[in-house]
Amino acid sequence: MDPTRWDVPFPLIVVALFVIVMFRANGTYWLGRLGTAGARRTRLVHLLDSPGYVRATERIDRYGPPAIAVSFLTIGFQTLANLAAGATGMKLRHYLPAVTIGSIAWALLYATLGTVGVDLVGRLWAVSPFLAVGLVIVAVAAIVGYLLWQARRRTRDTVETQAPDSPVA
């Protein structure tokens, strides 16, 4: 489904993408809710009722909506965020406004930058498949490199904060 090939006005493309992402995000949320409901019928119920898990779900319910909205600006994290919101039982009065804002942002970005990017890679492919594949490899390598750099930095910062203070002379 490539919106660049749709022969409809731009606002209709944005609305269609919004509806698609709302169905997908809410479906993921409800899968999380169903999964937790099923887990409550197993030995995991003790974990789900533990004070730590209850505190975590309360924090996710309180502070999670901004994370839900921002997750739509990422690749790969939005599904996890929606699933976690459902699995932890985020209240719908918190979840629905966040998912609506995120879905609007996603639809606008995908209808503009996303379709332009897909179109440009398609045009590059027509000129040189080798360059198109190279561009994708460079982009993936840059993302992986950035993630590794962030992980190393976090590890280094954690080690530095846990290191005992050196004695003062």
C-alpha atoms as a PDB file:
ATOM      1  CA  MET A   1       0.000   0.000   0.000  1.00  0.00           C
ATOM      2  CA  ASP A   2       1.914   2.999  -1.261  1.00  0.00           C
ATOM      3  CA  PRO A   3       0.140   6.322  -0.709  1.00  0.00           C
ATOM      4  CA  THR A   4       2.279   7.910  -3.414  1.00  0.00           C
ATOM      5  CA  ARG A   5       0.301   5.837  -5.927  1.00  0.00           C
ATOM      6  CA  TRP A   6      -3.147   6.755  -4.618  1.00  0.00           C
ATOM      7  CA  ASP A   7      -5.081   8.972  -6.991  1.00  0.00           C
ATOM      8  CA  VAL A   8      -6.900  10.941  -4.274  1.00  0.00           C
ATOM      9  CA  PRO A   9      -6.505  14.380  -2.681  1.00  0.00           C
ATOM     10  CA  PHE A  10      -3.819  14.768  -0.010  1.00  0.00           C
ATOM     11  CA  PRO A  11      -6.270  15.321   2.901  1.00  0.00           C
ATOM     12  CA  LEU A  12      -7.973  12.025   2.064  1.00  0.00           C
ATOM     13  CA  ILE A  13      -4.597  10.256   2.144  1.00  0.00           C
ATOM     14  CA  VAL A  14      -3.932  11.690   5.615  1.00  0.00           C
ATOM     15  CA  VAL A  15      -7.379  10.616   6.858  1.00  0.00           C
ATOM     16  CA  ALA A  16      -6.960   7.110   5.446  1.00  0.00           C
ATOM     17  CA  LEU A  17      -3.525   6.746   7.045  1.00  0.00           C
ATOM     18  CA  PHE A  18      -4.937   8.038  10.346  1.00  0.00           C
ATOM     19  CA  VAL A  19      -7.710   5.431  10.301  1.00  0.00           C
ATOM     20  CA  ILE A  20      -5.232   2.666   9.435  1.00  0.00           C
ATOM     21  CA  VAL A  21      -2.833   3.547  12.245  1.00  0.00           C
ATOM     22  CA  MET A  22      -5.660   3.997  14.769  1.00  0.00           C
ATOM     23  CA  PHE A  23      -6.943   0.492  14.001  1.00  0.00           C
ATOM     24  CA  ARG A  24      -3.436  -0.957  14.219  1.00  0.00           C
ATOM     25  CA  ALA A  25      -2.485   0.833  17.439  1.00  0.00           C
ATOM     26  CA  ASN A  26      -5.763   0.112  19.194  1.00  0.00           C
ATOM     27  CA  GLY A  27      -5.665  -3.504  18.049  1.00  0.00           C
ATOM     28  CA  THR A  28      -2.213  -3.831  19.601  1.00  0.00           C
ATOM     29  CA  TYR A  29      -3.474  -2.196  22.812  1.00  0.00           C
ATOM     30  CA  TRP A  30      -6.354  -4.666  23.054  1.00  0.00           C
ATOM     31  CA  LEU A  31      -4.029  -7.613  22.370  1.00  0.00           C
ATOM     32  CA  GLY A  32      -2.044  -6.476  25.401  1.00  0.00           C
ATOM     33  CA  ARG A  33      -5.214  -6.250  27.474  1.00  0.00           C
ATOM     34  CA  LEU A  34      -6.276  -9.733  26.369  1.00  0.00           C
ATOM     35  CA  GLY A  35      -2.829 -11.125  27.115  1.00  0.00           C
ATOM     36  CA  THR A  36      -2.928  -9.781  30.646  1.00  0.00           C
ATOM     37  CA  ALA A  37      -6.451 -11.095  31.146  1.00  0.00           C
ATOM     38  CA  GLY A  38      -5.231 -14.519  30.053  1.00  0.00           C
ATOM     39  CA  ALA A  39      -2.165 -14.291  32.308  1.00  0.00           C
ATOM     40  CA  ARG A  40      -4.454 -13.607  35.265  1.00  0.00           C
ATOM     41  CA  ARG A  41      -5.788 -17.150  34.791  1.00  0.00           C
ATOM     42  CA  THR A  42      -2.332 -18.665  35.239  1.00  0.00           C
ATOM     43  CA  ARG A  43       0.325 -18.797  37.922  1.00  0.00           C
ATOM     44  CA  LEU A  44       1.452 -15.357  36.766  1.00  0.00           C
ATOM     45  CA  VAL A  45      -1.402 -13.791  38.716  1.00  0.00           C
ATOM     46  CA  HIS A  46       0.949 -13.509  41.731  1.00  0.00           C
ATOM     47  CA  LEU A  47       3.343 -11.400  39.668  1.00  0.00           C
ATOM     48  CA  LEU A  48       0.532  -9.226  38.300  1.00  0.00           C
ATOM     49  CA  ASP A  49      -0.757  -8.588  41.830  1.00  0.00           C
ATOM     50  CA  SER A  50       2.658  -7.913  43.368  1.00  0.00           C
ATOM     51  CA  PRO A  51       3.184  -4.441  44.842  1.00  0.00           C
ATOM     52  CA  GLY A  52       6.042  -3.669  42.441  1.00  0.00           C
ATOM     53  CA  TYR A  53       4.005  -4.540  39.361  1.00  0.00           C
ATOM     54  CA  VAL A  54       1.014  -2.575  40.635  1.00  0.00           C
ATOM     55  CA  ARG A  55       3.234   0.489  41.247  1.00  0.00           C
ATOM     56  CA  ALA A  56       4.737   0.131  37.770  1.00  0.00           C
ATOM     57  CA  THR A  57       1.311  -0.065  36.120  1.00  0.00           C
ATOM     58  CA  GLU A  58       0.161   3.005  38.054  1.00  0.00           C
ATOM     59  CA  ARG A  59       3.220   4.939  36.857  1.00  0.00           C
ATOM     60  CA  ILE A  60       2.694   3.815  33.274  1.00  0.00           C
ATOM     61  CA  ASP A  61      -0.931   4.882  33.490  1.00  0.00           C
ATOM     62  CA  ARG A  62       0.035   8.280  34.883  1.00  0.00           C
ATOM     63  CA  TYR A  63       3.168   9.087  32.864  1.00  0.00           C
ATOM     64  CA  GLY A  64       2.760   6.812  29.849  1.00  0.00           C
ATOM     65  CA  PRO A  65       0.472   8.891  27.603  1.00  0.00           C
ATOM     66  CA  PRO A  66       3.251  11.249  26.437  1.00  0.00           C
ATOM     67  CA  ALA A  67       5.390   8.198  25.670  1.00  0.00           C
ATOM     68  CA  ILE A  68       2.523   6.728  23.641  1.00  0.00           C
ATOM     69  CA  ALA A  69       2.141   9.929  21.600  1.00  0.00           C
ATOM     70  CA  VAL A  70       5.899  10.287  20.996  1.00  0.00           C
ATOM     71  CA  SER A  71       6.251   6.590  20.119  1.00  0.00           C
ATOM     72  CA  PHE A  72       4.547   7.295  16.800  1.00  0.00           C
ATOM     73  CA  LEU A  73       7.580   9.340  15.781  1.00  0.00           C
ATOM     74  CA  THR A  74       9.817   6.276  16.134  1.00  0.00           C
ATOM     75  CA  ILE A  75      10.307   3.124  14.126  1.00  0.00           C
ATOM     76  CA  GLY A  76       9.513  -0.083  15.951  1.00  0.00           C
ATOM     77  CA  PHE A  77       8.821   1.371  19.392  1.00  0.00           C
ATOM     78  CA  GLN A  78       5.202   2.321  18.794  1.00  0.00           C
ATOM     79  CA  THR A  79       4.004  -1.286  18.689  1.00  0.00           C
ATOM     80  CA  LEU A  80       5.798  -2.072  21.938  1.00  0.00           C
ATOM     81  CA  ALA A  81       4.445   1.074  23.600  1.00  0.00           C
ATOM     82  CA  ASN A  82       0.849   0.292  22.596  1.00  0.00           C
ATOM     83  CA  LEU A  83       1.206  -3.336  23.677  1.00  0.00           C
ATOM     84  CA  ALA A  84       2.658  -2.255  27.037  1.00  0.00           C
ATOM     85  CA  ALA A  85      -0.154   0.257  27.518  1.00  0.00           C
ATOM     86  CA  GLY A  86      -2.679  -2.517  26.989  1.00  0.00           C
ATOM     87  CA  ALA A  87      -0.811  -5.125  29.025  1.00  0.00           C
ATOM     88  CA  THR A  88      -0.527  -2.780  31.996  1.00  0.00           C
ATOM     89  CA  GLY A  89      -4.149  -1.717  31.703  1.00  0.00           C
ATOM     90  CA  MET A  90      -3.631   1.972  30.932  1.00  0.00           C
ATOM     91  CA  LYS A  91      -6.985   3.662  31.357  1.00  0.00           C
ATOM     92  CA  LEU A  92      -8.730   4.508  28.095  1.00  0.00           C
ATOM     93  CA  ARG A  93      -9.209   8.109  29.199  1.00  0.00           C
ATOM     94  CA  HIS A  94      -5.408   8.388  29.216  1.00  0.00           C
ATOM     95  CA  TYR A  95      -4.665   6.127  26.258  1.00  0.00           C
ATOM     96  CA  LEU A  96      -7.153   7.357  23.652  1.00  0.00           C
ATOM     97  CA  PRO A  97      -6.068  11.031  23.586  1.00  0.00           C
ATOM     98  CA  ALA A  98      -2.408   9.966  23.425  1.00  0.00           C
ATOM     99  CA  VAL A  99      -2.963   7.448  20.627  1.00  0.00           C
ATOM    100  CA  THR A 100      -5.073   9.971  18.717  1.00  0.00           C
ATOM    101  CA  ILE A 101      -2.362  12.646  18.894  1.00  0.00           C
ATOM    102  CA  GLY A 102       0.305  10.105  17.932  1.00  0.00           C
ATOM    103  CA  SER A 103      -1.789   8.768  15.055  1.00  0.00           C
ATOM    104  CA  ILE A 104      -2.379  12.248  13.666  1.00  0.00           C
ATOM    105  CA  ALA A 105       1.346  12.979  13.798  1.00  0.00           C
ATOM    106  CA  TRP A 106       2.185   9.628  12.192  1.00  0.00           C
ATOM    107  CA  ALA A 107      -0.378  10.088   9.402  1.00  0.00           C
ATOM    108  CA  LEU A 108       0.904  13.570   8.571  1.00  0.00           C
ATOM    109  CA  LEU A 109       4.552  12.496   8.648  1.00  0.00           C
ATOM    110  CA  TYR A 110       3.961   9.349   6.632  1.00  0.00           C
ATOM    111  CA  ALA A 111       1.803  11.180   4.086  1.00  0.00           C
ATOM    112  CA  THR A 112       4.539  13.764   3.557  1.00  0.00           C
ATOM    113  CA  LEU A 113       8.068  12.708   4.477  1.00  0.00           C
ATOM    114  CA  GLY A 114       7.420   8.965   4.380  1.00  0.00           C
ATOM    115  CA  THR A 115       5.927   8.948   0.916  1.00  0.00           C
ATOM    116  CA  VAL A 116       8.590  11.326  -0.346  1.00  0.00           C
ATOM    117  CA  GLY A 117      11.284   9.015   1.046  1.00  0.00           C
ATOM    118  CA  VAL A 118       9.699   5.940  -0.519  1.00  0.00           C
ATOM    119  CA  ASP A 119       9.340   7.783  -3.809  1.00  0.00           C
ATOM    120  CA  LEU A 120      12.966   8.942  -3.761  1.00  0.00           C
ATOM    121  CA  VAL A 121      14.293   5.453  -2.996  1.00  0.00           C
ATOM    122  CA  GLY A 122      12.083   4.107  -5.805  1.00  0.00           C
ATOM    123  CA  ARG A 123      13.462   6.659  -8.237  1.00  0.00           C
ATOM    124  CA  LEU A 124      17.015   5.881  -7.117  1.00  0.00           C
ATOM    125  CA  TRP A 125      16.291   2.168  -7.636  1.00  0.00           C
ATOM    126  CA  ALA A 126      15.190   2.907 -11.214  1.00  0.00           C
ATOM    127  CA  VAL A 127      18.496   4.674 -11.842  1.00  0.00           C
ATOM    128  CA  SER A 128      20.761   2.302  -9.894  1.00  0.00           C
ATOM    129  CA  PRO A 129      19.603  -0.584  -7.693  1.00  0.00           C
ATOM    130  CA  PHE A 130      23.163  -0.777  -6.355  1.00  0.00           C
ATOM    131  CA  LEU A 131      23.002   2.818  -5.054  1.00  0.00           C
ATOM    132  CA  ALA A 132      19.523   2.287  -3.585  1.00  0.00           C
ATOM    133  CA  VAL A 133      20.654  -0.802  -1.655  1.00  0.00           C
ATOM    134  CA  GLY A 134      23.809   1.063  -0.607  1.00  0.00           C
ATOM    135  CA  LEU A 135      21.735   3.958   0.709  1.00  0.00           C
ATOM    136  CA  VAL A 136      19.558   1.604   2.756  1.00  0.00           C
ATOM    137  CA  ILE A 137      22.647  -0.167   4.142  1.00  0.00           C
ATOM    138  CA  VAL A 138      24.255   3.148   5.103  1.00  0.00           C
ATOM    139  CA  ALA A 139      21.035   4.298   6.801  1.00  0.00           C
ATOM    140  CA  VAL A 140      20.701   1.042   8.755  1.00  0.00           C
ATOM    141  CA  ALA A 141      24.400   1.137   9.710  1.00  0.00           C
ATOM    142  CA  ALA A 142      24.031   4.723  10.925  1.00  0.00           C
ATOM    143  CA  ILE A 143      21.047   3.800  13.091  1.00  0.00           C
ATOM    144  CA  VAL A 144      22.785   0.717  14.511  1.00  0.00           C
ATOM    145  CA  GLY A 145      25.951   2.752  15.149  1.00  0.00           C
ATOM    146  CA  TYR A 146      23.979   5.422  16.960  1.00  0.00           C
ATOM    147  CA  LEU A 147      22.182   2.841  19.118  1.00  0.00           C
ATOM    148  CA  LEU A 148      25.472   1.122  20.007  1.00  0.00           C
ATOM    149  CA  TRP A 149      27.061   4.480  20.846  1.00  0.00           C
ATOM    150  CA  GLN A 150      24.110   5.326  23.128  1.00  0.00           C
ATOM    151  CA  ALA A 151      24.279   1.917  24.826  1.00  0.00           C
ATOM    152  CA  ARG A 152      28.028   2.253  25.467  1.00  0.00           C
ATOM    153  CA  ARG A 153      27.555   5.772  26.793  1.00  0.00           C
ATOM    154  CA  ARG A 154      24.810   4.623  29.159  1.00  0.00           C
ATOM    155  CA  THR A 155      26.959   1.712  30.340  1.00  0.00           C
ATOM    156  CA  ARG A 156      29.933   4.022  30.894  1.00  0.00           C
ATOM    157  CA  ASP A 157      27.774   6.527  32.788  1.00  0.00           C
ATOM    158  CA  THR A 158      26.313   3.749  34.935  1.00  0.00           C
ATOM    159  CA  VAL A 159      29.772   2.394  35.773  1.00  0.00           C
ATOM    160  CA  GLU A 160      31.021   5.886  36.635  1.00  0.00           C
ATOM    161  CA  THR A 161      28.093   6.582  38.963  1.00  0.00           C
ATOM    162  CA  GLN A 162      28.502   3.218  40.695  1.00  0.00           C
ATOM    163  CA  ALA A 163      32.266   3.532  41.162  1.00  0.00           C
ATOM    164  CA  PRO A 164      33.267   4.197  44.770  1.00  0.00           C
ATOM    165  CA  ASP A 165      34.555   7.662  45.466  1.00  0.00           C
ATOM    166  CA  SER A 166      38.307   7.876  45.606  1.00  0.00           C
ATOM    167  CA  PRO A 167      39.741   8.819  49.000  1.00  0.00           C
ATOM    168  CA  VAL A 168      40.611  12.456  49.417  1.00  0.00           C
ATOM    169  CA  ALA A 169      44.264  13.023  50.289  1.00  0.00           C
END
